[in-house]
Amino acid sequence: MGGTVEHISMWILLVILFFVSFKMTGKSLKITMMINRVLYILIIATGVMLLLGISNINGEYIAKAIVGLWVIVSMEMTSVKRSKGKPYKSFLIQFWIAFVLVLLLGFRLPMGIQLFG
């Protein structure tokens, strides 16, 4: 399935950048947040392309897409709250819950996580 490797690669890069941003402050944090936002757009675009390429979409694929969006939203909210000095722990907890769910769905679904398909 074309696009899977790119989609997963961008997710890995985004998660790494997300955690690297916890060590940053000021201008470097803002730059990292902008890079993350570009990755959000690319991840959503490749995710939509992958979803449209599935011949028999069922509810689990839709749920995985929604949970994937939840991961992105929780990452963004964590970053924004943290950059403004506001409490962000609840969004970080949501990130971990959604991240585990999206991984479990990714391994469960028939398309699975194909790195070299």
N, C-alpha and C. Protein backbone atom coordinates (compact mmCIF):
# COMPACT_ATOMS: atom_id res chain seq x y z
N MET A 1 0.86 -1.18 0.00
CA MET A 1 0.00 0.00 0.00
C MET A 1 0.89 1.22 0.00
N GLY A 2 0.83 2.01 -1.04
CA GLY A 2 1.65 3.22 -1.15
C GLY A 2 1.27 4.25 -0.11
N GLY A 3 2.25 4.85 0.48
CA GLY A 3 2.01 5.90 1.45
C GLY A 3 2.12 5.47 2.89
N THR A 4 2.10 4.15 3.12
CA THR A 4 2.17 3.65 4.49
C THR A 4 3.50 4.00 5.14
N VAL A 5 4.59 3.78 4.40
CA VAL A 5 5.92 4.05 4.95
C VAL A 5 6.05 5.54 5.27
N GLU A 6 5.59 6.39 4.37
CA GLU A 6 5.66 7.83 4.61
C GLU A 6 4.83 8.23 5.82
N HIS A 7 3.64 7.66 5.92
CA HIS A 7 2.73 8.00 7.02
C HIS A 7 3.36 7.61 8.36
N ILE A 8 3.88 6.40 8.44
CA ILE A 8 4.49 5.94 9.68
C ILE A 8 5.76 6.72 9.99
N SER A 9 6.55 7.01 8.97
CA SER A 9 7.78 7.77 9.18
C SER A 9 7.49 9.15 9.75
N MET A 10 6.44 9.80 9.21
CA MET A 10 6.08 11.13 9.73
C MET A 10 5.57 11.05 11.16
N TRP A 11 4.83 9.99 11.49
CA TRP A 11 4.36 9.81 12.86
C TRP A 11 5.53 9.66 13.81
N ILE A 12 6.51 8.85 13.42
CA ILE A 12 7.69 8.64 14.27
C ILE A 12 8.43 9.96 14.48
N LEU A 13 8.64 10.70 13.38
CA LEU A 13 9.30 12.00 13.47
C LEU A 13 8.52 12.96 14.36
N LEU A 14 7.20 12.98 14.22
CA LEU A 14 6.36 13.87 15.02
C LEU A 14 6.45 13.54 16.51
N VAL A 15 6.39 12.27 16.85
CA VAL A 15 6.44 11.89 18.26
C VAL A 15 7.81 12.25 18.85
N ILE A 16 8.88 12.02 18.08
CA ILE A 16 10.22 12.40 18.55
C ILE A 16 10.29 13.91 18.76
N LEU A 17 9.83 14.68 17.78
CA LEU A 17 9.85 16.14 17.91
C LEU A 17 8.98 16.62 19.07
N PHE A 18 7.86 15.96 19.28
CA PHE A 18 6.96 16.32 20.38
C PHE A 18 7.69 16.22 21.71
N PHE A 19 8.43 15.13 21.91
CA PHE A 19 9.13 14.96 23.18
C PHE A 19 10.39 15.81 23.27
N VAL A 20 11.03 16.07 22.15
CA VAL A 20 12.19 16.98 22.14
C VAL A 20 11.75 18.39 22.53
N SER A 21 10.54 18.77 22.12
CA SER A 21 10.04 20.11 22.41
C SER A 21 9.88 20.36 23.91
N PHE A 22 9.80 19.30 24.72
CA PHE A 22 9.69 19.48 26.17
C PHE A 22 10.97 20.07 26.76
N LYS A 23 12.09 19.95 26.06
CA LYS A 23 13.36 20.51 26.52
C LYS A 23 13.58 21.93 26.01
N MET A 24 12.68 22.42 25.16
CA MET A 24 12.86 23.73 24.53
C MET A 24 11.99 24.79 25.18
N THR A 25 12.45 26.03 25.02
CA THR A 25 11.68 27.18 25.48
C THR A 25 11.84 28.29 24.46
N GLY A 26 11.02 29.30 24.58
CA GLY A 26 11.15 30.50 23.76
C GLY A 26 11.00 30.26 22.28
N LYS A 27 11.91 30.87 21.52
CA LYS A 27 11.84 30.84 20.06
C LYS A 27 12.01 29.44 19.49
N SER A 28 12.90 28.64 20.08
CA SER A 28 13.11 27.29 19.58
C SER A 28 11.85 26.43 19.76
N LEU A 29 11.11 26.66 20.84
CA LEU A 29 9.85 25.95 21.05
C LEU A 29 8.84 26.34 19.98
N LYS A 30 8.76 27.61 19.67
CA LYS A 30 7.81 28.07 18.64
C LYS A 30 8.14 27.47 17.27
N ILE A 31 9.43 27.39 16.94
CA ILE A 31 9.85 26.80 15.67
C ILE A 31 9.48 25.31 15.63
N THR A 32 9.72 24.62 16.73
CA THR A 32 9.36 23.20 16.81
C THR A 32 7.86 23.01 16.66
N MET A 33 7.08 23.90 17.28
CA MET A 33 5.63 23.81 17.17
C MET A 33 5.18 24.03 15.72
N MET A 34 5.84 24.93 15.00
CA MET A 34 5.49 25.16 13.59
C MET A 34 5.82 23.93 12.74
N ILE A 35 6.96 23.31 13.00
CA ILE A 35 7.33 22.10 12.27
C ILE A 35 6.31 20.99 12.57
N ASN A 36 5.91 20.89 13.83
CA ASN A 36 4.90 19.90 14.21
C ASN A 36 3.60 20.13 13.44
N ARG A 37 3.22 21.36 13.28
CA ARG A 37 1.96 21.67 12.58
C ARG A 37 2.03 21.28 11.11
N VAL A 38 3.19 21.45 10.49
CA VAL A 38 3.35 21.00 9.11
C VAL A 38 3.22 19.47 9.06
N LEU A 39 3.83 18.80 10.02
CA LEU A 39 3.73 17.34 10.07
C LEU A 39 2.28 16.90 10.31
N TYR A 40 1.53 17.64 11.13
CA TYR A 40 0.12 17.30 11.34
C TYR A 40 -0.61 17.26 10.00
N ILE A 41 -0.41 18.29 9.21
CA ILE A 41 -1.10 18.39 7.92
C ILE A 41 -0.71 17.23 7.01
N LEU A 42 0.60 16.94 6.95
CA LEU A 42 1.06 15.84 6.11
C LEU A 42 0.55 14.49 6.59
N ILE A 43 0.51 14.30 7.89
CA ILE A 43 0.00 13.05 8.45
C ILE A 43 -1.49 12.89 8.16
N ILE A 44 -2.24 13.95 8.32
CA ILE A 44 -3.68 13.88 8.01
C ILE A 44 -3.88 13.58 6.54
N ALA A 45 -3.11 14.23 5.67
CA ALA A 45 -3.24 14.00 4.22
C ALA A 45 -2.91 12.56 3.85
N THR A 46 -1.81 12.04 4.35
CA THR A 46 -1.45 10.65 4.02
C THR A 46 -2.43 9.67 4.66
N GLY A 47 -2.93 9.99 5.84
CA GLY A 47 -3.93 9.14 6.48
C GLY A 47 -5.22 9.06 5.69
N VAL A 48 -5.66 10.20 5.16
CA VAL A 48 -6.86 10.22 4.32
C VAL A 48 -6.62 9.41 3.05
N MET A 49 -5.43 9.55 2.45
CA MET A 49 -5.11 8.78 1.25
C MET A 49 -5.12 7.28 1.54
N LEU A 50 -4.56 6.89 2.67
CA LEU A 50 -4.57 5.47 3.04
C LEU A 50 -5.99 4.98 3.28
N LEU A 51 -6.78 5.79 3.95
CA LEU A 51 -8.17 5.40 4.25
C LEU A 51 -8.98 5.25 2.97
N LEU A 52 -8.77 6.15 2.02
CA LEU A 52 -9.50 6.06 0.75
C LEU A 52 -9.03 4.89 -0.10
N GLY A 53 -7.82 4.39 0.15
CA GLY A 53 -7.30 3.26 -0.60
C GLY A 53 -7.77 1.91 -0.11
N ILE A 54 -8.52 1.89 0.98
CA ILE A 54 -9.02 0.63 1.54
C ILE A 54 -10.32 0.28 0.85
N SER A 55 -10.40 -0.95 0.34
CA SER A 55 -11.59 -1.33 -0.42
C SER A 55 -12.80 -1.61 0.47
N ASN A 56 -12.59 -2.16 1.64
CA ASN A 56 -13.74 -2.47 2.51
C ASN A 56 -13.56 -1.76 3.86
N ILE A 57 -13.88 -0.48 3.88
CA ILE A 57 -13.76 0.30 5.11
C ILE A 57 -14.84 -0.14 6.09
N ASN A 58 -14.42 -0.40 7.33
CA ASN A 58 -15.41 -0.71 8.36
C ASN A 58 -15.26 0.29 9.51
N GLY A 59 -16.03 0.10 10.54
CA GLY A 59 -16.05 1.04 11.65
C GLY A 59 -14.72 1.16 12.38
N GLU A 60 -13.95 0.08 12.38
CA GLU A 60 -12.66 0.13 13.07
C GLU A 60 -11.68 1.07 12.37
N TYR A 61 -11.72 1.10 11.05
CA TYR A 61 -10.86 2.03 10.33
C TYR A 61 -11.26 3.48 10.61
N ILE A 62 -12.57 3.72 10.66
CA ILE A 62 -13.06 5.06 10.98
C ILE A 62 -12.65 5.43 12.41
N ALA A 63 -12.78 4.47 13.33
CA ALA A 63 -12.39 4.71 14.72
C ALA A 63 -10.90 5.03 14.80
N LYS A 64 -10.07 4.31 14.03
CA LYS A 64 -8.63 4.56 14.05
C LYS A 64 -8.34 5.96 13.53
N ALA A 65 -9.05 6.39 12.50
CA ALA A 65 -8.86 7.74 11.97
C ALA A 65 -9.24 8.80 13.02
N ILE A 66 -10.34 8.57 13.71
CA ILE A 66 -10.78 9.52 14.74
C ILE A 66 -9.79 9.55 15.91
N VAL A 67 -9.33 8.38 16.33
CA VAL A 67 -8.36 8.32 17.42
C VAL A 67 -7.04 8.96 16.99
N GLY A 68 -6.66 8.78 15.73
CA GLY A 68 -5.46 9.44 15.20
C GLY A 68 -5.57 10.95 15.27
N LEU A 69 -6.74 11.47 14.94
CA LEU A 69 -6.97 12.91 15.08
C LEU A 69 -6.91 13.33 16.54
N TRP A 70 -7.42 12.48 17.42
CA TRP A 70 -7.36 12.75 18.87
C TRP A 70 -5.90 12.85 19.33
N VAL A 71 -5.04 11.98 18.80
CA VAL A 71 -3.61 12.04 19.14
C VAL A 71 -3.04 13.40 18.73
N ILE A 72 -3.35 13.82 17.51
CA ILE A 72 -2.83 15.09 17.00
C ILE A 72 -3.35 16.26 17.84
N VAL A 73 -4.63 16.27 18.14
CA VAL A 73 -5.22 17.36 18.93
C VAL A 73 -4.60 17.40 20.33
N SER A 74 -4.43 16.25 20.95
CA SER A 74 -3.86 16.24 22.30
C SER A 74 -2.39 16.68 22.28
N MET A 75 -1.65 16.35 21.23
CA MET A 75 -0.27 16.82 21.11
C MET A 75 -0.23 18.34 20.97
N GLU A 76 -1.09 18.85 20.11
CA GLU A 76 -1.13 20.30 19.89
C GLU A 76 -1.54 21.03 21.16
N MET A 77 -2.57 20.54 21.83
CA MET A 77 -3.03 21.21 23.05
C MET A 77 -1.98 21.14 24.15
N THR A 78 -1.28 20.01 24.24
CA THR A 78 -0.20 19.90 25.22
C THR A 78 0.87 20.94 24.94
N SER A 79 1.26 21.06 23.67
CA SER A 79 2.31 22.02 23.30
C SER A 79 1.88 23.46 23.55
N VAL A 80 0.65 23.78 23.17
CA VAL A 80 0.16 25.16 23.33
C VAL A 80 0.05 25.52 24.81
N LYS A 81 -0.56 24.64 25.59
CA LYS A 81 -0.71 24.92 27.02
C LYS A 81 0.66 25.06 27.69
N ARG A 82 1.57 24.17 27.33
CA ARG A 82 2.92 24.22 27.91
C ARG A 82 3.64 25.51 27.53
N SER A 83 3.50 25.94 26.27
CA SER A 83 4.18 27.16 25.83
C SER A 83 3.63 28.41 26.52
N LYS A 84 2.38 28.35 26.94
CA LYS A 84 1.77 29.48 27.63
C LYS A 84 1.90 29.39 29.15
N GLY A 85 2.55 28.32 29.61
CA GLY A 85 2.76 28.16 31.05
C GLY A 85 1.52 27.72 31.80
N LYS A 86 0.56 27.14 31.10
CA LYS A 86 -0.67 26.67 31.74
C LYS A 86 -0.58 25.16 31.98
N PRO A 87 -1.43 24.64 32.86
CA PRO A 87 -1.41 23.19 33.13
C PRO A 87 -1.74 22.40 31.86
N TYR A 88 -0.94 21.38 31.59
CA TYR A 88 -1.13 20.59 30.37
C TYR A 88 -1.19 19.09 30.64
N LYS A 89 -1.16 18.70 31.90
CA LYS A 89 -1.09 17.28 32.26
C LYS A 89 -2.28 16.49 31.70
N SER A 90 -3.47 17.06 31.72
CA SER A 90 -4.65 16.32 31.25
C SER A 90 -4.53 16.01 29.75
N PHE A 91 -3.96 16.93 28.98
CA PHE A 91 -3.79 16.69 27.55
C PHE A 91 -2.68 15.67 27.30
N LEU A 92 -1.66 15.67 28.15
CA LEU A 92 -0.59 14.69 28.02
C LEU A 92 -1.12 13.28 28.33
N ILE A 93 -2.00 13.18 29.32
CA ILE A 93 -2.63 11.89 29.64
C ILE A 93 -3.50 11.44 28.46
N GLN A 94 -4.26 12.38 27.89
CA GLN A 94 -5.08 12.05 26.72
C GLN A 94 -4.20 11.57 25.56
N PHE A 95 -3.04 12.21 25.38
CA PHE A 95 -2.13 11.80 24.32
C PHE A 95 -1.76 10.33 24.50
N TRP A 96 -1.34 9.95 25.71
CA TRP A 96 -0.91 8.57 25.93
C TRP A 96 -2.04 7.58 25.72
N ILE A 97 -3.24 7.91 26.18
CA ILE A 97 -4.39 7.02 25.99
C ILE A 97 -4.68 6.84 24.50
N ALA A 98 -4.76 7.96 23.78
CA ALA A 98 -5.06 7.91 22.35
C ALA A 98 -3.94 7.22 21.57
N PHE A 99 -2.70 7.48 21.95
CA PHE A 99 -1.56 6.88 21.26
C PHE A 99 -1.57 5.36 21.38
N VAL A 100 -1.83 4.87 22.58
CA VAL A 100 -1.91 3.42 22.79
C VAL A 100 -3.08 2.84 21.99
N LEU A 101 -4.23 3.51 22.00
CA LEU A 101 -5.39 3.03 21.25
C LEU A 101 -5.12 2.96 19.75
N VAL A 102 -4.48 4.00 19.21
CA VAL A 102 -4.23 4.02 17.77
C VAL A 102 -3.21 2.93 17.39
N LEU A 103 -2.25 2.67 18.25
CA LEU A 103 -1.30 1.58 17.97
C LEU A 103 -2.00 0.22 18.02
N LEU A 104 -2.84 0.03 19.04
CA LEU A 104 -3.57 -1.25 19.13
C LEU A 104 -4.46 -1.47 17.93
N LEU A 105 -5.17 -0.44 17.50
CA LEU A 105 -6.01 -0.56 16.30
C LEU A 105 -5.15 -0.80 15.07
N GLY A 106 -4.00 -0.16 15.00
CA GLY A 106 -3.12 -0.34 13.86
C GLY A 106 -2.63 -1.77 13.73
N PHE A 107 -2.33 -2.42 14.84
CA PHE A 107 -1.89 -3.81 14.79
C PHE A 107 -3.05 -4.77 14.58
N ARG A 108 -4.25 -4.39 15.00
CA ARG A 108 -5.40 -5.27 14.91
C ARG A 108 -6.01 -5.33 13.52
N LEU A 109 -6.08 -4.21 12.84
CA LEU A 109 -6.79 -4.14 11.56
C LEU A 109 -6.07 -4.96 10.48
N PRO A 110 -6.84 -5.48 9.52
CA PRO A 110 -6.26 -6.33 8.47
C PRO A 110 -5.12 -5.67 7.69
N MET A 111 -5.23 -4.38 7.45
CA MET A 111 -4.16 -3.70 6.73
C MET A 111 -2.91 -3.66 7.59
N GLY A 112 -3.11 -3.60 8.91
CA GLY A 112 -2.01 -3.66 9.86
C GLY A 112 -1.01 -2.54 9.68
N ILE A 113 0.16 -2.75 10.24
CA ILE A 113 1.23 -1.79 10.09
C ILE A 113 2.23 -2.43 9.14
N GLN A 114 2.13 -2.05 7.87
CA GLN A 114 2.99 -2.61 6.83
C GLN A 114 4.09 -1.63 6.52
N LEU A 115 5.29 -1.96 6.90
CA LEU A 115 6.40 -1.05 6.64
C LEU A 115 6.97 -1.23 5.24
N PHE A 116 6.96 -2.43 4.74
CA PHE A 116 7.57 -2.67 3.43
C PHE A 116 6.63 -3.48 2.56
N GLY A 117 5.41 -2.95 2.37
CA GLY A 117 4.40 -3.71 1.63
C GLY A 117 4.35 -3.33 0.25
